PDB file of all heavy atoms in Angstrom:
ATOM      1  N   ASN A   1     -63.753  41.930   0.941  1.00  0.00           N
ATOM      2  CA  ASN A   1     -62.464  41.435   0.461  1.00  0.00           C
ATOM      3  C   ASN A   1     -62.544  40.967  -0.987  1.00  0.00           C
ATOM      4  O   ASN A   1     -61.525  40.789  -1.647  1.00  0.00           O
ATOM      5  CB  ASN A   1     -61.984  40.289   1.346  1.00  0.00           C
ATOM      6  CG  ASN A   1     -60.496  40.061   1.238  1.00  0.00           C
ATOM      7  OD1 ASN A   1     -59.736  41.005   1.038  1.00  0.00           O
ATOM      8  ND2 ASN A   1     -60.074  38.813   1.344  1.00  0.00           N
ATOM      9  N   LYS A   2     -63.779  40.755  -1.476  1.00  0.00           N
ATOM     10  CA  LYS A   2     -63.966  40.317  -2.854  1.00  0.00           C
ATOM     11  C   LYS A   2     -64.303  41.473  -3.785  1.00  0.00           C
ATOM     12  O   LYS A   2     -64.419  41.281  -4.994  1.00  0.00           O
ATOM     13  CB  LYS A   2     -65.091  39.273  -2.904  1.00  0.00           C
ATOM     14  CG  LYS A   2     -64.832  38.042  -2.033  1.00  0.00           C
ATOM     15  CD  LYS A   2     -66.016  37.093  -2.083  1.00  0.00           C
ATOM     16  CE  LYS A   2     -65.794  35.875  -1.170  1.00  0.00           C
ATOM     17  NZ  LYS A   2     -66.954  34.964  -1.184  1.00  0.00           N
ATOM     18  N   MET A   3     -64.461  42.658  -3.228  1.00  0.00           N
ATOM     19  CA  MET A   3     -64.843  43.815  -4.035  1.00  0.00           C
ATOM     20  C   MET A   3     -63.678  44.297  -4.885  1.00  0.00           C
ATOM     21  O   MET A   3     -62.529  44.275  -4.455  1.00  0.00           O
ATOM     22  CB  MET A   3     -65.342  44.950  -3.134  1.00  0.00           C
ATOM     23  CG  MET A   3     -66.619  44.606  -2.377  1.00  0.00           C
ATOM     24  SD  MET A   3     -67.050  45.852  -1.145  1.00  0.00           S
ATOM     25  CE  MET A   3     -67.329  47.267  -2.219  1.00  0.00           C
ATOM     26  N   GLN A   4     -63.990  44.721  -6.101  1.00  0.00           N
ATOM     27  CA  GLN A   4     -62.974  45.258  -6.996  1.00  0.00           C
ATOM     28  C   GLN A   4     -62.596  46.676  -6.576  1.00  0.00           C
ATOM     29  O   GLN A   4     -63.445  47.425  -6.093  1.00  0.00           O
ATOM     30  CB  GLN A   4     -63.493  45.286  -8.430  1.00  0.00           C
ATOM     31  CG  GLN A   4     -63.574  43.915  -9.097  1.00  0.00           C
ATOM     32  CD  GLN A   4     -62.206  43.335  -9.394  1.00  0.00           C
ATOM     33  OE1 GLN A   4     -61.275  44.058  -9.751  1.00  0.00           O
ATOM     34  NE2 GLN A   4     -62.089  42.030  -9.227  1.00  0.00           N
ATOM     35  N   PRO A   5     -61.325  47.066  -6.755  1.00  0.00           N
ATOM     36  CA  PRO A   5     -60.934  48.449  -6.456  1.00  0.00           C
ATOM     37  C   PRO A   5     -61.692  49.417  -7.363  1.00  0.00           C
ATOM     38  O   PRO A   5     -62.238  49.015  -8.403  1.00  0.00           O
ATOM     39  CB  PRO A   5     -59.432  48.464  -6.778  1.00  0.00           C
ATOM     40  CG  PRO A   5     -59.008  47.028  -6.731  1.00  0.00           C
ATOM     41  CD  PRO A   5     -60.200  46.241  -7.197  1.00  0.00           C
ATOM     42  N   PRO A   6     -61.742  50.703  -7.006  1.00  0.00           N
ATOM     43  CA  PRO A   6     -62.418  51.696  -7.847  1.00  0.00           C
ATOM     44  C   PRO A   6     -61.812  51.750  -9.243  1.00  0.00           C
ATOM     45  O   PRO A   6     -60.645  51.378  -9.449  1.00  0.00           O
ATOM     46  CB  PRO A   6     -62.191  53.013  -7.087  1.00  0.00           C
ATOM     47  CG  PRO A   6     -61.910  52.600  -5.682  1.00  0.00           C
ATOM     48  CD  PRO A   6     -61.209  51.288  -5.765  1.00  0.00           C
ATOM     49  N   ALA A   7     -62.592  52.252 -10.191  1.00  0.00           N
ATOM     50  CA  ALA A   7     -62.146  52.288 -11.590  1.00  0.00           C
ATOM     51  C   ALA A   7     -60.868  53.094 -11.763  1.00  0.00           C
ATOM     52  O   ALA A   7     -59.988  52.729 -12.547  1.00  0.00           O
ATOM     53  CB  ALA A   7     -63.257  52.869 -12.463  1.00  0.00           C
ATOM     54  N   TYR A   8     -60.741  54.202 -11.023  1.00  0.00           N
ATOM     55  CA  TYR A   8     -59.548  55.044 -11.208  1.00  0.00           C
ATOM     56  C   TYR A   8     -58.283  54.324 -10.744  1.00  0.00           C
ATOM     57  O   TYR A   8     -57.196  54.541 -11.302  1.00  0.00           O
ATOM     58  CB  TYR A   8     -59.710  56.387 -10.492  1.00  0.00           C
ATOM     59  CG  TYR A   8     -59.566  56.354  -8.993  1.00  0.00           C
ATOM     60  CD1 TYR A   8     -58.346  56.623  -8.381  1.00  0.00           C
ATOM     61  CD2 TYR A   8     -60.654  56.070  -8.182  1.00  0.00           C
ATOM     62  CE1 TYR A   8     -58.213  56.591  -7.003  1.00  0.00           C
ATOM     63  CE2 TYR A   8     -60.535  56.040  -6.805  1.00  0.00           C
ATOM     64  CZ  TYR A   8     -59.312  56.313  -6.222  1.00  0.00           C
ATOM     65  OH  TYR A   8     -59.185  56.286  -4.860  1.00  0.00           O
ATOM     66  N   VAL A   9     -58.399  53.441  -9.737  1.00  0.00           N
ATOM     67  CA  VAL A   9     -57.237  52.670  -9.279  1.00  0.00           C
ATOM     68  C   VAL A   9     -56.858  51.625 -10.331  1.00  0.00           C
ATOM     69  O   VAL A   9     -55.679  51.432 -10.640  1.00  0.00           O
ATOM     70  CB  VAL A   9     -57.529  51.994  -7.928  1.00  0.00           C
ATOM     71  CG1 VAL A   9     -56.359  51.102  -7.516  1.00  0.00           C
ATOM     72  CG2 VAL A   9     -57.780  53.042  -6.859  1.00  0.00           C
ATOM     73  N   LEU A  10     -57.864  50.952 -10.903  1.00  0.00           N
ATOM     74  CA  LEU A  10     -57.595  49.967 -11.947  1.00  0.00           C
ATOM     75  C   LEU A  10     -56.965  50.620 -13.172  1.00  0.00           C
ATOM     76  O   LEU A  10     -56.054  50.060 -13.796  1.00  0.00           O
ATOM     77  CB  LEU A  10     -58.904  49.263 -12.341  1.00  0.00           C
ATOM     78  CG  LEU A  10     -59.567  48.410 -11.251  1.00  0.00           C
ATOM     79  CD1 LEU A  10     -60.902  47.879 -11.752  1.00  0.00           C
ATOM     80  CD2 LEU A  10     -58.649  47.267 -10.843  1.00  0.00           C
ATOM     81  N   THR A  11     -57.434  51.826 -13.505  1.00  0.00           N
ATOM     82  CA  THR A  11     -56.876  52.552 -14.651  1.00  0.00           C
ATOM     83  C   THR A  11     -55.413  52.897 -14.414  1.00  0.00           C
ATOM     84  O   THR A  11     -54.563  52.714 -15.299  1.00  0.00           O
ATOM     85  CB  THR A  11     -57.679  53.842 -14.911  1.00  0.00           C
ATOM     86  OG1 THR A  11     -59.035  53.506 -15.207  1.00  0.00           O
ATOM     87  CG2 THR A  11     -57.094  54.612 -16.086  1.00  0.00           C
ATOM     88  N   GLN A  12     -55.099  53.390 -13.209  1.00  0.00           N
ATOM     89  CA  GLN A  12     -53.711  53.732 -12.901  1.00  0.00           C
ATOM     90  C   GLN A  12     -52.830  52.495 -12.891  1.00  0.00           C
ATOM     91  O   GLN A  12     -51.689  52.531 -13.355  1.00  0.00           O
ATOM     92  CB  GLN A  12     -53.650  54.442 -11.552  1.00  0.00           C
ATOM     93  CG  GLN A  12     -54.280  55.830 -11.568  1.00  0.00           C
ATOM     94  CD  GLN A  12     -54.223  56.497 -10.219  1.00  0.00           C
ATOM     95  OE1 GLN A  12     -53.181  56.537  -9.580  1.00  0.00           O
ATOM     96  NE2 GLN A  12     -55.336  57.018  -9.768  1.00  0.00           N
ATOM     97  N   ALA A  13     -53.336  51.385 -12.373  1.00  0.00           N
ATOM     98  CA  ALA A  13     -52.557  50.150 -12.348  1.00  0.00           C
ATOM     99  C   ALA A  13     -52.232  49.693 -13.767  1.00  0.00           C
ATOM    100  O   ALA A  13     -51.104  49.287 -14.062  1.00  0.00           O
ATOM    101  CB  ALA A  13     -53.332  49.072 -11.601  1.00  0.00           C
ATOM    102  N   ALA A  14     -53.219  49.771 -14.658  1.00  0.00           N
ATOM    103  CA  ALA A  14     -53.003  49.363 -16.046  1.00  0.00           C
ATOM    104  C   ALA A  14     -51.969  50.252 -16.730  1.00  0.00           C
ATOM    105  O   ALA A  14     -51.127  49.769 -17.495  1.00  0.00           O
ATOM    106  CB  ALA A  14     -54.336  49.403 -16.809  1.00  0.00           C
ATOM    107  N   LYS A  15     -52.028  51.551 -16.452  1.00  0.00           N
ATOM    108  CA  LYS A  15     -51.073  52.479 -17.060  1.00  0.00           C
ATOM    109  C   LYS A  15     -49.655  52.201 -16.581  1.00  0.00           C
ATOM    110  O   LYS A  15     -48.695  52.278 -17.353  1.00  0.00           O
ATOM    111  CB  LYS A  15     -51.474  53.927 -16.765  1.00  0.00           C
ATOM    112  CG  LYS A  15     -52.652  54.424 -17.584  1.00  0.00           C
ATOM    113  CD  LYS A  15     -52.915  55.887 -17.333  1.00  0.00           C
ATOM    114  CE  LYS A  15     -54.030  56.383 -18.249  1.00  0.00           C
ATOM    115  NZ  LYS A  15     -53.631  56.343 -19.672  1.00  0.00           N
ATOM    116  N   ILE A  16     -49.503  51.906 -15.287  1.00  0.00           N
ATOM    117  CA  ILE A  16     -48.174  51.622 -14.749  1.00  0.00           C
ATOM    118  C   ILE A  16     -47.597  50.363 -15.384  1.00  0.00           C
ATOM    119  O   ILE A  16     -46.423  50.302 -15.740  1.00  0.00           O
ATOM    120  CB  ILE A  16     -48.236  51.480 -13.221  1.00  0.00           C
ATOM    121  CG1 ILE A  16     -48.547  52.837 -12.586  1.00  0.00           C
ATOM    122  CG2 ILE A  16     -46.925  50.929 -12.657  1.00  0.00           C
ATOM    123  CD1 ILE A  16     -48.859  52.780 -11.118  1.00  0.00           C
ATOM    124  N   LEU A  17     -48.425  49.328 -15.549  1.00  0.00           N
ATOM    125  CA  LEU A  17     -47.962  48.102 -16.181  1.00  0.00           C
ATOM    126  C   LEU A  17     -47.571  48.355 -17.634  1.00  0.00           C
ATOM    127  O   LEU A  17     -46.617  47.765 -18.146  1.00  0.00           O
ATOM    128  CB  LEU A  17     -49.045  47.025 -16.097  1.00  0.00           C
ATOM    129  CG  LEU A  17     -49.367  46.524 -14.681  1.00  0.00           C
ATOM    130  CD1 LEU A  17     -50.507  45.519 -14.719  1.00  0.00           C
ATOM    131  CD2 LEU A  17     -48.131  45.921 -14.021  1.00  0.00           C
ATOM    132  N   GLU A  18     -48.296  49.239 -18.300  1.00  0.00           N
ATOM    133  CA  GLU A  18     -47.967  49.590 -19.684  1.00  0.00           C
ATOM    134  C   GLU A  18     -46.630  50.327 -19.748  1.00  0.00           C
ATOM    135  O   GLU A  18     -45.782  50.036 -20.600  1.00  0.00           O
ATOM    136  CB  GLU A  18     -49.082  50.465 -20.264  1.00  0.00           C
ATOM    137  CG  GLU A  18     -48.861  50.872 -21.712  1.00  0.00           C
ATOM    138  CD  GLU A  18     -49.968  51.767 -22.232  1.00  0.00           C
ATOM    139  OE1 GLU A  18     -51.065  51.750 -21.644  1.00  0.00           O
ATOM    140  OE2 GLU A  18     -49.733  52.481 -23.215  1.00  0.00           O
ATOM    141  N   LEU A  19     -46.426  51.281 -18.829  1.00  0.00           N
ATOM    142  CA  LEU A  19     -45.157  52.008 -18.777  1.00  0.00           C
ATOM    143  C   LEU A  19     -44.007  51.077 -18.417  1.00  0.00           C
ATOM    144  O   LEU A  19     -42.903  51.199 -18.943  1.00  0.00           O
ATOM    145  CB  LEU A  19     -45.250  53.139 -17.745  1.00  0.00           C
ATOM    146  CG  LEU A  19     -46.205  54.283 -18.083  1.00  0.00           C
ATOM    147  CD1 LEU A  19     -46.358  55.200 -16.869  1.00  0.00           C
ATOM    148  CD2 LEU A  19     -45.687  55.082 -19.273  1.00  0.00           C
ATOM    149  N   CYS A  20     -44.292  50.142 -17.526  1.00  0.00           N
ATOM    150  CA  CYS A  20     -43.280  49.189 -17.093  1.00  0.00           C
ATOM    151  C   CYS A  20     -42.819  48.316 -18.251  1.00  0.00           C
ATOM    152  O   CYS A  20     -41.636  48.014 -18.395  1.00  0.00           O
ATOM    153  CB  CYS A  20     -43.841  48.340 -15.953  1.00  0.00           C
ATOM    154  SG  CYS A  20     -42.671  47.204 -15.215  1.00  0.00           S
ATOM    155  N   ALA A  21     -43.755  47.895 -19.087  1.00  0.00           N
ATOM    156  CA  ALA A  21     -43.420  47.033 -20.219  1.00  0.00           C
ATOM    157  C   ALA A  21     -42.526  47.741 -21.223  1.00  0.00           C
ATOM    158  O   ALA A  21     -41.691  47.112 -21.887  1.00  0.00           O
ATOM    159  CB  ALA A  21     -44.708  46.555 -20.901  1.00  0.00           C
ATOM    160  N   ALA A  22     -42.676  49.075 -21.328  1.00  0.00           N
ATOM    161  CA  ALA A  22     -41.889  49.839 -22.298  1.00  0.00           C
ATOM    162  C   ALA A  22     -40.583  50.364 -21.723  1.00  0.00           C
ATOM    163  O   ALA A  22     -39.729  50.858 -22.457  1.00  0.00           O
ATOM    164  CB  ALA A  22     -42.721  51.009 -22.820  1.00  0.00           C
ATOM    165  N   ALA A  23     -40.402  50.267 -20.404  1.00  0.00           N
ATOM    166  CA  ALA A  23     -39.224  50.839 -19.750  1.00  0.00           C
ATOM    167  C   ALA A  23     -37.996  49.957 -19.938  1.00  0.00           C
ATOM    168  O   ALA A  23     -38.090  48.739 -20.099  1.00  0.00           O
ATOM    169  CB  ALA A  23     -39.505  51.030 -18.269  1.00  0.00           C
ATOM    170  N   ASP A  24     -36.841  50.601 -19.907  1.00  0.00           N
ATOM    171  CA  ASP A  24     -35.561  49.897 -20.021  1.00  0.00           C
ATOM    172  C   ASP A  24     -35.101  49.465 -18.631  1.00  0.00           C
ATOM    173  O   ASP A  24     -34.221  50.068 -18.028  1.00  0.00           O
ATOM    174  CB  ASP A  24     -34.519  50.808 -20.687  1.00  0.00           C
ATOM    175  CG  ASP A  24     -33.203  50.075 -20.939  1.00  0.00           C
ATOM    176  OD1 ASP A  24     -33.202  48.834 -20.906  1.00  0.00           O
ATOM    177  OD2 ASP A  24     -32.178  50.766 -21.151  1.00  0.00           O
ATOM    178  N   ILE A  25     -35.726  48.417 -18.115  1.00  0.00           N
ATOM    179  CA  ILE A  25     -35.424  47.917 -16.777  1.00  0.00           C
ATOM    180  C   ILE A  25     -35.257  46.406 -16.844  1.00  0.00           C
ATOM    181  O   ILE A  25     -35.621  45.772 -17.836  1.00  0.00           O
ATOM    182  CB  ILE A  25     -36.527  48.266 -15.758  1.00  0.00           C
ATOM    183  CG1 ILE A  25     -37.888  47.715 -16.218  1.00  0.00           C
ATOM    184  CG2 ILE A  25     -36.614  49.777 -15.546  1.00  0.00           C
ATOM    185  CD1 ILE A  25     -39.023  47.955 -15.252  1.00  0.00           C
ATOM    186  N   SER A  26     -34.713  45.837 -15.774  1.00  0.00           N
ATOM    187  CA  SER A  26     -34.493  44.394 -15.742  1.00  0.00           C
ATOM    188  C   SER A  26     -35.818  43.654 -15.608  1.00  0.00           C
ATOM    189  O   SER A  26     -36.814  44.201 -15.108  1.00  0.00           O
ATOM    190  CB  SER A  26     -33.577  44.025 -14.571  1.00  0.00           C
ATOM    191  OG  SER A  26     -34.227  44.285 -13.332  1.00  0.00           O
ATOM    192  N   GLU A  27     -35.825  42.388 -16.029  1.00  0.00           N
ATOM    193  CA  GLU A  27     -37.028  41.580 -15.921  1.00  0.00           C
ATOM    194  C   GLU A  27     -37.379  41.340 -14.455  1.00  0.00           C
ATOM    195  O   GLU A  27     -38.555  41.236 -14.098  1.00  0.00           O
ATOM    196  CB  GLU A  27     -36.826  40.242 -16.632  1.00  0.00           C
ATOM    197  CG  GLU A  27     -38.074  39.376 -16.670  1.00  0.00           C
ATOM    198  CD  GLU A  27     -39.250  40.064 -17.332  1.00  0.00           C
ATOM    199  OE1 GLU A  27     -39.039  40.802 -18.324  1.00  0.00           O
ATOM    200  OE2 GLU A  27     -40.393  39.874 -16.860  1.00  0.00           O
TER     201      GLU A  27
END
């Protein structure tokens, strides 16, 4: 339960957050 997700999952999560920050959506 303390293990970090695989690198590819962390990479995808970071990309989604980056896209989310640039998107025209509500807070």
